[in-house]
Amino acid sequence: MYRKNCVANALSIPLNNDLFPTIGMQTADEMIDANFGQKPFLFDMRSELKMAEKATMDNINAIELPAEKVLWMNSLVSNWMAHEGYSRALDALNRATGVELEENFHNN
């Protein structure tokens, strides 16, 4: 997201390419004050990241899968956990979802 003076969406054109910071000077005696992290930023990036993470999780949680997809997904994840050796996480997942490992998986 492009920001100008800590204001989001100050530029309302589509940004399809990477932007690199540049500064244009008009006269020989002009000076700039740049902050590359040596002092606190005016922009609160942590709260922006938290809001973005929350929006992402809200979008994920809003997706409703059909029951057969939920069973398939839970079974897939539990089988992967068993294969990779995450037994404690697998037990917790199986208790939470009621998924049992397929019998043929135990026998291999």
N, C-alpha and C. Protein backbone atom coordinates (compact mmCIF):
# COMPACT_ATOMS: atom_id res chain seq x y z
N MET A 1 0.85 -1.17 0.00
CA MET A 1 0.00 0.00 0.00
C MET A 1 0.89 1.23 0.00
N TYR A 2 0.60 2.13 -0.86
CA TYR A 2 1.35 3.37 -0.94
C TYR A 2 0.89 4.33 0.15
N ARG A 3 1.84 5.00 0.76
CA ARG A 3 1.53 5.99 1.79
C ARG A 3 2.32 7.26 1.50
N LYS A 4 1.69 8.38 1.78
CA LYS A 4 2.37 9.67 1.67
C LYS A 4 2.12 10.38 2.98
N ASN A 5 3.20 10.75 3.66
CA ASN A 5 3.10 11.40 4.97
C ASN A 5 2.22 10.60 5.93
N CYS A 6 2.41 9.29 5.94
CA CYS A 6 1.71 8.35 6.83
C CYS A 6 0.24 8.19 6.52
N VAL A 7 -0.23 8.68 5.39
CA VAL A 7 -1.64 8.58 5.03
C VAL A 7 -1.78 7.49 3.97
N ALA A 8 -2.62 6.48 4.26
CA ALA A 8 -2.84 5.41 3.30
C ALA A 8 -3.67 5.92 2.13
N ASN A 9 -3.44 5.31 0.98
CA ASN A 9 -4.20 5.61 -0.23
C ASN A 9 -4.12 7.08 -0.64
N ALA A 10 -3.01 7.73 -0.36
CA ALA A 10 -2.84 9.11 -0.79
C ALA A 10 -2.71 9.18 -2.30
N LEU A 11 -2.33 8.07 -2.91
CA LEU A 11 -2.19 7.98 -4.36
C LEU A 11 -3.24 7.01 -4.86
N SER A 12 -4.14 7.46 -5.69
CA SER A 12 -5.26 6.60 -6.10
C SER A 12 -5.10 6.07 -7.52
N ILE A 13 -3.93 5.52 -7.81
CA ILE A 13 -3.72 4.85 -9.09
C ILE A 13 -3.33 3.41 -8.79
N PRO A 14 -3.63 2.49 -9.71
CA PRO A 14 -3.26 1.09 -9.45
C PRO A 14 -1.75 0.93 -9.41
N LEU A 15 -1.28 0.20 -8.42
CA LEU A 15 0.16 -0.01 -8.26
C LEU A 15 0.49 -1.42 -8.73
N ASN A 16 0.85 -1.55 -10.00
CA ASN A 16 1.17 -2.86 -10.56
C ASN A 16 2.66 -3.16 -10.50
N ASN A 17 3.46 -2.17 -10.22
CA ASN A 17 4.91 -2.34 -10.18
C ASN A 17 5.42 -1.95 -8.80
N ASP A 18 6.64 -2.39 -8.50
CA ASP A 18 7.27 -1.99 -7.24
C ASP A 18 7.58 -0.50 -7.27
N LEU A 19 7.43 0.13 -6.12
CA LEU A 19 7.80 1.54 -5.99
C LEU A 19 9.09 1.64 -5.17
N PHE A 20 9.93 2.55 -5.53
CA PHE A 20 11.16 2.78 -4.80
C PHE A 20 11.18 4.23 -4.34
N PRO A 21 11.60 4.47 -3.10
CA PRO A 21 11.57 5.85 -2.59
C PRO A 21 12.48 6.77 -3.40
N THR A 22 11.94 7.91 -3.75
CA THR A 22 12.72 8.93 -4.45
C THR A 22 12.34 10.29 -3.88
N ILE A 23 13.27 11.21 -3.97
CA ILE A 23 13.03 12.57 -3.50
C ILE A 23 13.51 13.52 -4.59
N GLY A 24 12.65 14.46 -4.97
CA GLY A 24 13.03 15.45 -5.96
C GLY A 24 13.39 16.77 -5.28
N MET A 25 14.48 17.35 -5.67
CA MET A 25 14.93 18.62 -5.09
C MET A 25 14.80 19.71 -6.16
N GLN A 26 14.30 20.89 -5.73
CA GLN A 26 14.09 21.98 -6.67
C GLN A 26 15.25 22.97 -6.70
N THR A 27 15.86 23.20 -5.54
CA THR A 27 16.95 24.19 -5.48
C THR A 27 18.16 23.57 -4.79
N ALA A 28 19.29 24.24 -4.96
CA ALA A 28 20.54 23.72 -4.42
C ALA A 28 20.58 23.72 -2.89
N ASP A 29 19.86 24.60 -2.22
CA ASP A 29 19.94 24.71 -0.76
C ASP A 29 18.89 23.88 -0.02
N GLU A 30 18.13 23.06 -0.71
CA GLU A 30 17.09 22.27 -0.04
C GLU A 30 17.71 21.16 0.80
N MET A 31 17.01 20.79 1.87
CA MET A 31 17.46 19.71 2.76
C MET A 31 16.28 18.77 3.00
N ILE A 32 16.60 17.52 3.26
CA ILE A 32 15.56 16.56 3.62
C ILE A 32 15.89 15.94 4.97
N ASP A 33 14.87 15.43 5.62
CA ASP A 33 15.05 14.70 6.87
C ASP A 33 14.46 13.32 6.65
N ALA A 34 15.31 12.32 6.54
CA ALA A 34 14.86 10.95 6.29
C ALA A 34 14.98 10.11 7.55
N ASN A 35 14.03 9.23 7.75
CA ASN A 35 14.04 8.34 8.91
C ASN A 35 14.10 6.91 8.40
N PHE A 36 15.24 6.28 8.61
CA PHE A 36 15.42 4.89 8.21
C PHE A 36 15.40 3.97 9.43
N GLY A 37 14.67 4.38 10.46
CA GLY A 37 14.52 3.57 11.65
C GLY A 37 15.33 4.03 12.84
N GLN A 38 16.08 5.09 12.70
CA GLN A 38 16.90 5.57 13.81
C GLN A 38 16.07 6.28 14.88
N LYS A 39 14.83 6.65 14.55
CA LYS A 39 13.91 7.22 15.53
C LYS A 39 12.52 6.64 15.25
N PRO A 40 11.60 6.74 16.19
CA PRO A 40 10.28 6.11 16.00
C PRO A 40 9.57 6.67 14.76
N PHE A 41 8.87 5.78 14.07
CA PHE A 41 8.09 6.17 12.91
C PHE A 41 6.75 6.75 13.35
N LEU A 42 6.23 7.69 12.58
CA LEU A 42 4.89 8.21 12.84
C LEU A 42 3.83 7.16 12.53
N PHE A 43 4.09 6.36 11.54
CA PHE A 43 3.14 5.33 11.11
C PHE A 43 3.23 4.12 12.04
N ASP A 44 2.10 3.66 12.55
CA ASP A 44 2.04 2.52 13.46
C ASP A 44 1.84 1.24 12.65
N MET A 45 2.95 0.64 12.24
CA MET A 45 2.89 -0.54 11.39
C MET A 45 2.33 -1.75 12.13
N ARG A 46 2.60 -1.88 13.42
CA ARG A 46 2.11 -3.04 14.17
C ARG A 46 0.58 -3.12 14.16
N SER A 47 -0.08 -1.99 14.39
CA SER A 47 -1.55 -2.04 14.38
C SER A 47 -2.07 -2.31 12.98
N GLU A 48 -1.39 -1.80 11.97
CA GLU A 48 -1.78 -2.08 10.58
C GLU A 48 -1.66 -3.57 10.28
N LEU A 49 -0.56 -4.20 10.74
CA LEU A 49 -0.38 -5.63 10.54
C LEU A 49 -1.43 -6.43 11.28
N LYS A 50 -1.74 -6.03 12.52
CA LYS A 50 -2.77 -6.73 13.29
C LYS A 50 -4.12 -6.64 12.59
N MET A 51 -4.44 -5.47 12.05
CA MET A 51 -5.71 -5.31 11.33
C MET A 51 -5.73 -6.19 10.07
N ALA A 52 -4.60 -6.26 9.37
CA ALA A 52 -4.52 -7.08 8.16
C ALA A 52 -4.65 -8.56 8.52
N GLU A 53 -3.98 -8.99 9.60
CA GLU A 53 -4.09 -10.38 10.04
C GLU A 53 -5.52 -10.72 10.44
N LYS A 54 -6.17 -9.80 11.15
CA LYS A 54 -7.56 -10.03 11.57
C LYS A 54 -8.48 -10.12 10.36
N ALA A 55 -8.29 -9.24 9.38
CA ALA A 55 -9.11 -9.27 8.17
C ALA A 55 -8.92 -10.59 7.43
N THR A 56 -7.67 -11.07 7.36
CA THR A 56 -7.39 -12.34 6.70
C THR A 56 -8.07 -13.49 7.43
N MET A 57 -7.93 -13.53 8.76
CA MET A 57 -8.56 -14.60 9.54
C MET A 57 -10.08 -14.53 9.45
N ASP A 58 -10.65 -13.33 9.44
CA ASP A 58 -12.10 -13.18 9.30
C ASP A 58 -12.56 -13.74 7.95
N ASN A 59 -11.78 -13.46 6.89
CA ASN A 59 -12.11 -14.00 5.57
C ASN A 59 -12.04 -15.52 5.55
N ILE A 60 -11.00 -16.08 6.17
CA ILE A 60 -10.85 -17.54 6.23
C ILE A 60 -12.00 -18.15 7.02
N ASN A 61 -12.29 -17.57 8.18
CA ASN A 61 -13.35 -18.11 9.04
C ASN A 61 -14.74 -17.96 8.44
N ALA A 62 -14.91 -17.05 7.50
CA ALA A 62 -16.21 -16.85 6.86
C ALA A 62 -16.51 -17.91 5.80
N ILE A 63 -15.49 -18.67 5.41
CA ILE A 63 -15.68 -19.71 4.39
C ILE A 63 -16.35 -20.92 5.05
N GLU A 64 -17.48 -21.31 4.50
CA GLU A 64 -18.19 -22.48 5.01
C GLU A 64 -18.07 -23.61 3.99
N LEU A 65 -17.44 -24.69 4.43
CA LEU A 65 -17.28 -25.85 3.56
C LEU A 65 -18.44 -26.82 3.78
N PRO A 66 -18.80 -27.57 2.74
CA PRO A 66 -19.79 -28.63 2.93
C PRO A 66 -19.26 -29.67 3.91
N ALA A 67 -20.15 -30.37 4.59
CA ALA A 67 -19.76 -31.34 5.63
C ALA A 67 -18.77 -32.37 5.12
N GLU A 68 -18.96 -32.87 3.89
CA GLU A 68 -18.04 -33.90 3.38
C GLU A 68 -16.64 -33.33 3.16
N LYS A 69 -16.54 -32.05 2.80
CA LYS A 69 -15.23 -31.41 2.65
C LYS A 69 -14.55 -31.23 4.01
N VAL A 70 -15.34 -30.89 5.02
CA VAL A 70 -14.79 -30.73 6.38
C VAL A 70 -14.22 -32.06 6.85
N LEU A 71 -14.98 -33.15 6.67
CA LEU A 71 -14.49 -34.48 7.07
C LEU A 71 -13.23 -34.84 6.30
N TRP A 72 -13.24 -34.59 4.99
CA TRP A 72 -12.07 -34.90 4.17
C TRP A 72 -10.85 -34.11 4.63
N MET A 73 -11.04 -32.80 4.89
CA MET A 73 -9.94 -31.94 5.31
C MET A 73 -9.39 -32.38 6.66
N ASN A 74 -10.27 -32.66 7.62
CA ASN A 74 -9.82 -33.11 8.93
C ASN A 74 -9.07 -34.43 8.84
N SER A 75 -9.56 -35.33 8.00
CA SER A 75 -8.89 -36.62 7.81
C SER A 75 -7.52 -36.42 7.16
N LEU A 76 -7.46 -35.56 6.16
CA LEU A 76 -6.19 -35.29 5.48
C LEU A 76 -5.15 -34.74 6.46
N VAL A 77 -5.55 -33.75 7.25
CA VAL A 77 -4.62 -33.13 8.21
C VAL A 77 -4.20 -34.14 9.27
N SER A 78 -5.14 -34.93 9.78
CA SER A 78 -4.77 -35.90 10.82
C SER A 78 -3.84 -36.97 10.27
N ASN A 79 -4.06 -37.42 9.04
CA ASN A 79 -3.15 -38.40 8.44
C ASN A 79 -1.76 -37.80 8.23
N TRP A 80 -1.70 -36.54 7.82
CA TRP A 80 -0.40 -35.89 7.64
C TRP A 80 0.32 -35.79 8.99
N MET A 81 -0.41 -35.39 10.04
CA MET A 81 0.20 -35.28 11.37
C MET A 81 0.73 -36.63 11.83
N ALA A 82 -0.02 -37.69 11.59
CA ALA A 82 0.43 -39.03 11.97
C ALA A 82 1.69 -39.40 11.20
N HIS A 83 1.70 -39.12 9.91
CA HIS A 83 2.86 -39.44 9.07
C HIS A 83 4.11 -38.68 9.52
N GLU A 84 3.94 -37.41 9.91
CA GLU A 84 5.08 -36.58 10.30
C GLU A 84 5.46 -36.75 11.77
N GLY A 85 4.67 -37.48 12.54
CA GLY A 85 5.02 -37.75 13.93
C GLY A 85 4.54 -36.72 14.93
N TYR A 86 3.57 -35.92 14.57
CA TYR A 86 3.03 -34.92 15.50
C TYR A 86 1.92 -35.55 16.35
N SER A 87 2.29 -36.50 17.20
CA SER A 87 1.29 -37.30 17.91
C SER A 87 0.45 -36.49 18.90
N ARG A 88 1.06 -35.58 19.63
CA ARG A 88 0.29 -34.79 20.60
C ARG A 88 -0.70 -33.86 19.88
N ALA A 89 -0.24 -33.23 18.82
CA ALA A 89 -1.13 -32.36 18.04
C ALA A 89 -2.22 -33.19 17.38
N LEU A 90 -1.86 -34.39 16.91
CA LEU A 90 -2.83 -35.28 16.29
C LEU A 90 -3.92 -35.69 17.28
N ASP A 91 -3.51 -36.05 18.50
CA ASP A 91 -4.49 -36.41 19.53
C ASP A 91 -5.44 -35.24 19.81
N ALA A 92 -4.89 -34.04 19.92
CA ALA A 92 -5.72 -32.86 20.19
C ALA A 92 -6.68 -32.60 19.03
N LEU A 93 -6.19 -32.71 17.80
CA LEU A 93 -7.05 -32.51 16.63
C LEU A 93 -8.16 -33.55 16.59
N ASN A 94 -7.80 -34.80 16.82
CA ASN A 94 -8.80 -35.87 16.77
C ASN A 94 -9.85 -35.70 17.86
N ARG A 95 -9.44 -35.25 19.04
CA ARG A 95 -10.42 -34.99 20.11
C ARG A 95 -11.34 -33.84 19.71
N ALA A 96 -10.77 -32.80 19.11
CA ALA A 96 -11.57 -31.62 18.74
C ALA A 96 -12.52 -31.89 17.58
N THR A 97 -12.10 -32.75 16.65
CA THR A 97 -12.90 -32.96 15.44
C THR A 97 -13.64 -34.28 15.42
N GLY A 98 -13.23 -35.22 16.27
CA GLY A 98 -13.86 -36.55 16.26
C GLY A 98 -13.38 -37.41 15.12
N VAL A 99 -12.27 -37.05 14.48
CA VAL A 99 -11.74 -37.82 13.35
C VAL A 99 -10.90 -38.97 13.88
N GLU A 100 -11.11 -40.15 13.32
CA GLU A 100 -10.28 -41.31 13.62
C GLU A 100 -9.41 -41.59 12.40
N LEU A 101 -8.17 -42.01 12.65
CA LEU A 101 -7.31 -42.37 11.53
C LEU A 101 -7.85 -43.59 10.82
N GLU A 102 -7.65 -43.64 9.52
CA GLU A 102 -8.09 -44.81 8.76
C GLU A 102 -7.30 -46.02 9.21
N GLU A 103 -7.97 -47.16 9.29
CA GLU A 103 -7.33 -48.39 9.77
C GLU A 103 -6.14 -48.78 8.91
N ASN A 104 -6.26 -48.65 7.59
CA ASN A 104 -5.15 -49.05 6.72
C ASN A 104 -3.93 -48.17 6.93
N PHE A 105 -4.11 -46.96 7.42
CA PHE A 105 -2.97 -46.08 7.69
C PHE A 105 -2.18 -46.63 8.88
N HIS A 106 -2.86 -47.13 9.91
CA HIS A 106 -2.19 -47.69 11.08
C HIS A 106 -1.42 -48.96 10.72
N ASN A 107 -1.89 -49.71 9.76
CA ASN A 107 -1.28 -50.99 9.44
C ASN A 107 -0.06 -50.86 8.54
N ASN A 108 0.21 -49.70 7.99
CA ASN A 108 1.36 -49.51 7.09
C ASN A 108 2.59 -49.11 7.84
